[in-house]
Amino acid sequence: MRHRSGFTLIEIVVVLILMGLVAVLVAPALFPRHHDQSALNALLVSAREVAARRGEVVYLHIDPTGEWRMEAGAEPRQGPLATGRVPSFFTAAVTLMVSPLGSCGFDVRSAAAVGGEVLDPLTCEMRTP
């Protein structure tokens, strides 16, 4: 029997799997970190559901500290529908308007203060460009 030099298929597959694992572990350290916006996106999903259920525009006010309050459009005197706290994302207070049809957007003052953050008006998701 002849002696063949080279690698077997098993050896090549094992090396590729190990290289893949190393890439998965090292890659996050190589890219810049973005804000974790999952809490904010969950809040926006909740605001969309409330606006659709109530059939009116819902206003979501978020302070620079992360404190937020949700108010209905028709009766602002009745008080907030809900309040809470999310991780701080913005440097200025912002107001999001959420329509009962599911679209959303910043008010005029908030749009100028947001800067680099991008809001998809159809899905109401925040993304960093």
N, C-alpha and C. Protein backbone atom coordinates (compact mmCIF):
# COMPACT_ATOMS: atom_id res chain seq x y z
N MET A 1 0.84 -1.18 0.00
CA MET A 1 0.00 0.00 0.00
C MET A 1 0.89 1.24 0.00
N ARG A 2 0.50 2.21 -0.79
CA ARG A 2 1.29 3.42 -0.90
C ARG A 2 0.97 4.38 0.23
N HIS A 3 1.99 5.10 0.69
CA HIS A 3 1.80 6.09 1.75
C HIS A 3 1.47 7.43 1.09
N ARG A 4 0.33 7.98 1.41
CA ARG A 4 -0.09 9.25 0.83
C ARG A 4 0.12 10.37 1.83
N SER A 5 0.67 11.46 1.37
CA SER A 5 0.83 12.61 2.25
C SER A 5 -0.35 13.55 2.02
N GLY A 6 -0.76 14.26 3.07
CA GLY A 6 -1.90 15.17 2.98
C GLY A 6 -2.80 15.01 4.18
N PHE A 7 -3.93 15.68 4.12
CA PHE A 7 -4.87 15.66 5.23
C PHE A 7 -6.11 14.88 4.84
N THR A 8 -6.73 14.24 5.83
CA THR A 8 -7.97 13.52 5.57
C THR A 8 -9.13 14.51 5.64
N LEU A 9 -10.26 14.09 5.15
CA LEU A 9 -11.46 14.94 5.18
C LEU A 9 -11.85 15.27 6.61
N ILE A 10 -11.74 14.33 7.50
CA ILE A 10 -12.08 14.55 8.92
C ILE A 10 -11.19 15.64 9.51
N GLU A 11 -9.91 15.58 9.23
CA GLU A 11 -8.99 16.59 9.76
C GLU A 11 -9.34 17.99 9.24
N ILE A 12 -9.67 18.09 7.98
CA ILE A 12 -10.02 19.39 7.40
C ILE A 12 -11.31 19.92 8.01
N VAL A 13 -12.31 19.07 8.20
CA VAL A 13 -13.58 19.49 8.80
C VAL A 13 -13.37 19.96 10.23
N VAL A 14 -12.56 19.24 11.01
CA VAL A 14 -12.30 19.63 12.39
C VAL A 14 -11.61 20.99 12.44
N VAL A 15 -10.65 21.23 11.59
CA VAL A 15 -9.95 22.51 11.55
C VAL A 15 -10.92 23.63 11.16
N LEU A 16 -11.79 23.40 10.19
CA LEU A 16 -12.76 24.43 9.79
C LEU A 16 -13.74 24.76 10.92
N ILE A 17 -14.17 23.74 11.64
CA ILE A 17 -15.06 23.98 12.78
C ILE A 17 -14.36 24.79 13.85
N LEU A 18 -13.13 24.46 14.16
CA LEU A 18 -12.37 25.23 15.16
C LEU A 18 -12.15 26.67 14.72
N MET A 19 -11.86 26.87 13.43
CA MET A 19 -11.69 28.23 12.93
C MET A 19 -13.00 29.02 13.00
N GLY A 20 -14.09 28.37 12.74
CA GLY A 20 -15.40 29.02 12.86
C GLY A 20 -15.70 29.43 14.29
N LEU A 21 -15.40 28.57 15.24
CA LEU A 21 -15.61 28.90 16.65
C LEU A 21 -14.75 30.09 17.09
N VAL A 22 -13.51 30.09 16.67
CA VAL A 22 -12.62 31.20 17.00
C VAL A 22 -13.16 32.50 16.40
N ALA A 23 -13.63 32.45 15.16
CA ALA A 23 -14.17 33.65 14.51
C ALA A 23 -15.40 34.18 15.25
N VAL A 24 -16.26 33.27 15.69
CA VAL A 24 -17.46 33.69 16.42
C VAL A 24 -17.09 34.33 17.75
N LEU A 25 -16.07 33.86 18.40
CA LEU A 25 -15.67 34.42 19.69
C LEU A 25 -14.88 35.72 19.56
N VAL A 26 -14.13 35.88 18.51
CA VAL A 26 -13.27 37.06 18.35
C VAL A 26 -13.97 38.20 17.62
N ALA A 27 -14.86 37.92 16.70
CA ALA A 27 -15.48 38.95 15.86
C ALA A 27 -16.18 40.06 16.66
N PRO A 28 -16.94 39.77 17.72
CA PRO A 28 -17.59 40.86 18.45
C PRO A 28 -16.60 41.87 19.05
N ALA A 29 -15.42 41.43 19.39
CA ALA A 29 -14.43 42.34 19.95
C ALA A 29 -13.83 43.26 18.89
N LEU A 30 -13.91 42.88 17.63
CA LEU A 30 -13.32 43.67 16.57
C LEU A 30 -14.22 44.79 16.07
N PHE A 31 -15.51 44.68 16.28
CA PHE A 31 -16.46 45.68 15.79
C PHE A 31 -16.86 46.62 16.92
N PRO A 32 -17.13 47.90 16.59
CA PRO A 32 -17.53 48.84 17.64
C PRO A 32 -18.88 48.44 18.23
N ARG A 33 -19.01 48.70 19.50
CA ARG A 33 -20.26 48.35 20.17
C ARG A 33 -21.31 49.42 19.92
N HIS A 34 -22.53 48.98 19.74
CA HIS A 34 -23.67 49.89 19.58
C HIS A 34 -24.51 49.79 20.83
N HIS A 35 -25.37 50.79 21.01
CA HIS A 35 -26.29 50.75 22.14
C HIS A 35 -27.18 49.52 22.01
N ASP A 36 -27.47 48.89 23.12
CA ASP A 36 -28.43 47.80 23.11
C ASP A 36 -29.81 48.45 23.10
N GLN A 37 -30.47 48.42 21.98
CA GLN A 37 -31.73 49.11 21.83
C GLN A 37 -32.92 48.16 21.93
N SER A 38 -32.70 46.96 22.44
CA SER A 38 -33.80 46.02 22.51
C SER A 38 -34.88 46.49 23.46
N ALA A 39 -34.51 47.13 24.58
CA ALA A 39 -35.51 47.64 25.53
C ALA A 39 -36.33 48.75 24.90
N LEU A 40 -35.66 49.64 24.17
CA LEU A 40 -36.36 50.74 23.51
C LEU A 40 -37.27 50.21 22.40
N ASN A 41 -36.79 49.24 21.62
CA ASN A 41 -37.63 48.66 20.57
C ASN A 41 -38.83 47.93 21.15
N ALA A 42 -38.65 47.27 22.28
CA ALA A 42 -39.78 46.61 22.94
C ALA A 42 -40.81 47.63 23.41
N LEU A 43 -40.32 48.77 23.91
CA LEU A 43 -41.22 49.85 24.33
C LEU A 43 -42.00 50.40 23.13
N LEU A 44 -41.33 50.55 21.99
CA LEU A 44 -42.01 51.04 20.79
C LEU A 44 -43.06 50.05 20.30
N VAL A 45 -42.77 48.77 20.39
CA VAL A 45 -43.76 47.75 20.00
C VAL A 45 -44.98 47.84 20.92
N SER A 46 -44.73 48.04 22.20
CA SER A 46 -45.83 48.18 23.16
C SER A 46 -46.66 49.42 22.85
N ALA A 47 -46.00 50.52 22.51
CA ALA A 47 -46.73 51.76 22.18
C ALA A 47 -47.58 51.56 20.93
N ARG A 48 -47.06 50.83 19.94
CA ARG A 48 -47.85 50.55 18.73
C ARG A 48 -49.10 49.74 19.07
N GLU A 49 -48.96 48.76 19.95
CA GLU A 49 -50.10 47.94 20.34
C GLU A 49 -51.14 48.78 21.07
N VAL A 50 -50.69 49.65 21.96
CA VAL A 50 -51.62 50.50 22.71
C VAL A 50 -52.35 51.45 21.76
N ALA A 51 -51.63 52.06 20.82
CA ALA A 51 -52.26 52.98 19.87
C ALA A 51 -53.30 52.25 19.01
N ALA A 52 -52.98 51.05 18.57
CA ALA A 52 -53.92 50.28 17.75
C ALA A 52 -55.15 49.87 18.56
N ARG A 53 -54.93 49.45 19.79
CA ARG A 53 -56.04 49.03 20.65
C ARG A 53 -56.96 50.19 20.98
N ARG A 54 -56.38 51.36 21.27
CA ARG A 54 -57.19 52.53 21.64
C ARG A 54 -57.76 53.25 20.42
N GLY A 55 -57.16 53.07 19.25
CA GLY A 55 -57.63 53.74 18.06
C GLY A 55 -57.32 55.22 18.04
N GLU A 56 -56.24 55.63 18.70
CA GLU A 56 -55.84 57.04 18.72
C GLU A 56 -54.33 57.15 18.80
N VAL A 57 -53.84 58.35 18.52
CA VAL A 57 -52.41 58.60 18.56
C VAL A 57 -51.93 58.51 20.00
N VAL A 58 -50.79 57.85 20.19
CA VAL A 58 -50.17 57.73 21.52
C VAL A 58 -48.83 58.46 21.47
N TYR A 59 -48.56 59.25 22.49
CA TYR A 59 -47.30 59.99 22.59
C TYR A 59 -46.40 59.31 23.60
N LEU A 60 -45.17 59.07 23.21
CA LEU A 60 -44.19 58.43 24.09
C LEU A 60 -43.09 59.44 24.36
N HIS A 61 -43.02 59.94 25.59
CA HIS A 61 -42.02 60.93 26.00
C HIS A 61 -40.89 60.19 26.70
N ILE A 62 -39.65 60.39 26.23
CA ILE A 62 -38.48 59.74 26.83
C ILE A 62 -37.49 60.82 27.25
N ASP A 63 -37.15 60.85 28.53
CA ASP A 63 -36.19 61.81 29.07
C ASP A 63 -34.76 61.32 28.83
N PRO A 64 -33.77 62.23 28.92
CA PRO A 64 -32.37 61.80 28.75
C PRO A 64 -31.93 60.78 29.80
N THR A 65 -32.62 60.73 30.93
CA THR A 65 -32.27 59.76 31.98
C THR A 65 -32.82 58.37 31.70
N GLY A 66 -33.71 58.26 30.70
CA GLY A 66 -34.32 56.98 30.38
C GLY A 66 -35.73 56.83 30.93
N GLU A 67 -36.17 57.78 31.73
CA GLU A 67 -37.55 57.74 32.24
C GLU A 67 -38.50 58.00 31.07
N TRP A 68 -39.58 57.24 30.98
CA TRP A 68 -40.53 57.44 29.90
C TRP A 68 -41.95 57.43 30.42
N ARG A 69 -42.83 58.07 29.66
CA ARG A 69 -44.27 58.03 29.96
C ARG A 69 -45.03 57.97 28.64
N MET A 70 -46.11 57.25 28.66
CA MET A 70 -46.95 57.08 27.48
C MET A 70 -48.28 57.77 27.74
N GLU A 71 -48.66 58.67 26.82
CA GLU A 71 -49.90 59.42 26.98
C GLU A 71 -50.77 59.26 25.75
N ALA A 72 -52.09 59.30 25.98
CA ALA A 72 -53.03 59.22 24.87
C ALA A 72 -53.22 60.60 24.27
N GLY A 73 -53.53 60.65 22.99
CA GLY A 73 -53.65 61.93 22.30
C GLY A 73 -54.91 62.70 22.64
N ALA A 74 -56.02 62.04 22.89
CA ALA A 74 -57.29 62.73 23.07
C ALA A 74 -57.40 63.39 24.45
N GLU A 75 -56.94 62.75 25.48
CA GLU A 75 -57.10 63.26 26.85
C GLU A 75 -55.77 63.34 27.57
N PRO A 76 -54.96 64.37 27.30
CA PRO A 76 -53.68 64.47 28.01
C PRO A 76 -53.84 64.75 29.50
N ARG A 77 -55.02 65.26 29.91
CA ARG A 77 -55.23 65.58 31.33
C ARG A 77 -55.48 64.34 32.17
N GLN A 78 -55.81 63.22 31.56
CA GLN A 78 -56.12 62.02 32.35
C GLN A 78 -54.87 61.40 32.96
N GLY A 79 -53.72 61.85 32.55
CA GLY A 79 -52.48 61.32 33.09
C GLY A 79 -51.88 60.28 32.17
N PRO A 80 -50.70 59.83 32.51
CA PRO A 80 -50.02 58.87 31.62
C PRO A 80 -50.71 57.51 31.62
N LEU A 81 -50.65 56.85 30.47
CA LEU A 81 -51.17 55.49 30.37
C LEU A 81 -50.23 54.51 31.05
N ALA A 82 -48.94 54.79 30.94
CA ALA A 82 -47.92 53.92 31.55
C ALA A 82 -46.65 54.74 31.72
N THR A 83 -45.81 54.31 32.64
CA THR A 83 -44.52 54.96 32.86
C THR A 83 -43.49 53.87 33.12
N GLY A 84 -42.23 54.24 33.01
CA GLY A 84 -41.17 53.27 33.28
C GLY A 84 -39.81 53.85 33.00
N ARG A 85 -38.86 52.95 32.84
CA ARG A 85 -37.47 53.38 32.60
C ARG A 85 -36.82 52.41 31.63
N VAL A 86 -36.06 52.96 30.69
CA VAL A 86 -35.25 52.17 29.75
C VAL A 86 -33.82 52.70 29.86
N PRO A 87 -32.84 51.96 29.39
CA PRO A 87 -31.47 52.49 29.39
C PRO A 87 -31.42 53.80 28.60
N SER A 88 -30.62 54.72 29.06
CA SER A 88 -30.52 56.05 28.45
C SER A 88 -29.93 55.95 27.04
N PHE A 89 -30.64 56.51 26.05
CA PHE A 89 -30.18 56.49 24.66
C PHE A 89 -29.97 57.88 24.11
N PHE A 90 -30.75 58.84 24.56
CA PHE A 90 -30.76 60.16 23.97
C PHE A 90 -30.13 61.17 24.90
N THR A 91 -29.57 62.23 24.31
CA THR A 91 -28.95 63.29 25.10
C THR A 91 -29.95 64.39 25.44
N ALA A 92 -31.11 64.37 24.80
CA ALA A 92 -32.16 65.35 25.07
C ALA A 92 -33.50 64.61 25.16
N ALA A 93 -34.48 65.28 25.75
CA ALA A 93 -35.81 64.68 25.84
C ALA A 93 -36.40 64.57 24.43
N VAL A 94 -37.02 63.44 24.15
CA VAL A 94 -37.64 63.23 22.85
C VAL A 94 -39.08 62.78 23.02
N THR A 95 -39.88 63.05 21.99
CA THR A 95 -41.27 62.62 21.97
C THR A 95 -41.52 61.88 20.67
N LEU A 96 -42.05 60.68 20.79
CA LEU A 96 -42.42 59.87 19.63
C LEU A 96 -43.93 59.85 19.52
N MET A 97 -44.43 60.04 18.32
CA MET A 97 -45.87 59.95 18.08
C MET A 97 -46.13 58.63 17.38
N VAL A 98 -47.04 57.84 17.94
CA VAL A 98 -47.34 56.52 17.38
C VAL A 98 -48.79 56.53 16.92
N SER A 99 -49.01 56.27 15.65
CA SER A 99 -50.35 56.31 15.08
C SER A 99 -51.08 54.99 15.33
N PRO A 100 -52.40 55.01 15.33
CA PRO A 100 -53.14 53.76 15.50
C PRO A 100 -52.97 52.82 14.31
N LEU A 101 -52.46 53.33 13.19
CA LEU A 101 -52.20 52.48 12.03
C LEU A 101 -50.86 51.78 12.13
N GLY A 102 -50.06 52.13 13.16
CA GLY A 102 -48.80 51.44 13.38
C GLY A 102 -47.56 52.22 12.98
N SER A 103 -47.71 53.36 12.32
CA SER A 103 -46.53 54.13 11.95
C SER A 103 -46.15 55.05 13.10
N CYS A 104 -44.91 55.54 13.07
CA CYS A 104 -44.46 56.40 14.16
C CYS A 104 -43.42 57.38 13.65
N GLY A 105 -43.18 58.41 14.44
CA GLY A 105 -42.18 59.41 14.07
C GLY A 105 -41.91 60.32 15.25
N PHE A 106 -40.80 61.06 15.16
CA PHE A 106 -40.45 62.03 16.19
C PHE A 106 -41.22 63.32 15.94
N ASP A 107 -41.47 64.08 17.01
CA ASP A 107 -42.00 65.41 16.80
C ASP A 107 -40.85 66.29 16.28
N VAL A 108 -41.14 67.54 15.91
CA VAL A 108 -40.15 68.39 15.24
C VAL A 108 -38.93 68.64 16.12
N ARG A 109 -39.13 68.98 17.38
CA ARG A 109 -38.00 69.25 18.28
C ARG A 109 -37.15 68.01 18.50
N SER A 110 -37.80 66.87 18.66
CA SER A 110 -37.08 65.63 18.93
C SER A 110 -36.27 65.17 17.74
N ALA A 111 -36.78 65.40 16.54
CA ALA A 111 -36.07 64.96 15.33
C ALA A 111 -34.71 65.65 15.24
N ALA A 112 -34.64 66.92 15.66
CA ALA A 112 -33.37 67.64 15.62
C ALA A 112 -32.43 67.16 16.73
N ALA A 113 -32.99 66.75 17.86
CA ALA A 113 -32.17 66.35 19.01
C ALA A 113 -31.64 64.94 18.89
N VAL A 114 -32.29 64.09 18.10
CA VAL A 114 -31.91 62.67 18.04
C VAL A 114 -30.57 62.48 17.36
N GLY A 115 -30.29 63.22 16.32
CA GLY A 115 -28.99 63.12 15.66
C GLY A 115 -28.84 61.86 14.84
N GLY A 116 -27.89 60.99 15.23
CA GLY A 116 -27.53 59.82 14.43
C GLY A 116 -28.48 58.65 14.52
N GLU A 117 -29.41 58.66 15.44
CA GLU A 117 -30.33 57.53 15.58
C GLU A 117 -31.35 57.57 14.46
N VAL A 118 -31.68 56.43 13.91
CA VAL A 118 -32.62 56.34 12.80
C VAL A 118 -33.84 55.56 13.26
N LEU A 119 -35.00 56.12 13.01
CA LEU A 119 -36.26 55.47 13.35
C LEU A 119 -36.93 55.04 12.05
N ASP A 120 -37.22 53.76 11.93
CA ASP A 120 -37.96 53.27 10.77
C ASP A 120 -39.44 53.57 11.03
N PRO A 121 -40.07 54.44 10.23
CA PRO A 121 -41.44 54.86 10.53
C PRO A 121 -42.48 53.76 10.35
N LEU A 122 -42.16 52.73 9.58
CA LEU A 122 -43.14 51.66 9.35
C LEU A 122 -43.06 50.57 10.40
N THR A 123 -41.86 50.23 10.86
CA THR A 123 -41.73 49.17 11.86
C THR A 123 -41.52 49.73 13.26
N CYS A 124 -41.27 51.02 13.38
CA CYS A 124 -41.01 51.69 14.66
C CYS A 124 -39.82 51.06 15.38
N GLU A 125 -38.77 50.78 14.64
CA GLU A 125 -37.54 50.24 15.25
C GLU A 125 -36.43 51.27 15.16
N MET A 126 -35.68 51.38 16.25
CA MET A 126 -34.54 52.28 16.29
C MET A 126 -33.32 51.53 15.76
N ARG A 127 -32.55 52.22 14.91
CA ARG A 127 -31.31 51.64 14.40
C ARG A 127 -30.24 52.70 14.40
N THR A 128 -29.02 52.29 14.65
CA THR A 128 -27.88 53.20 14.54
C THR A 128 -27.31 53.05 13.15
N PRO A 129 -27.14 54.16 12.42
CA PRO A 129 -26.65 54.05 11.04
C PRO A 129 -25.24 53.51 10.97
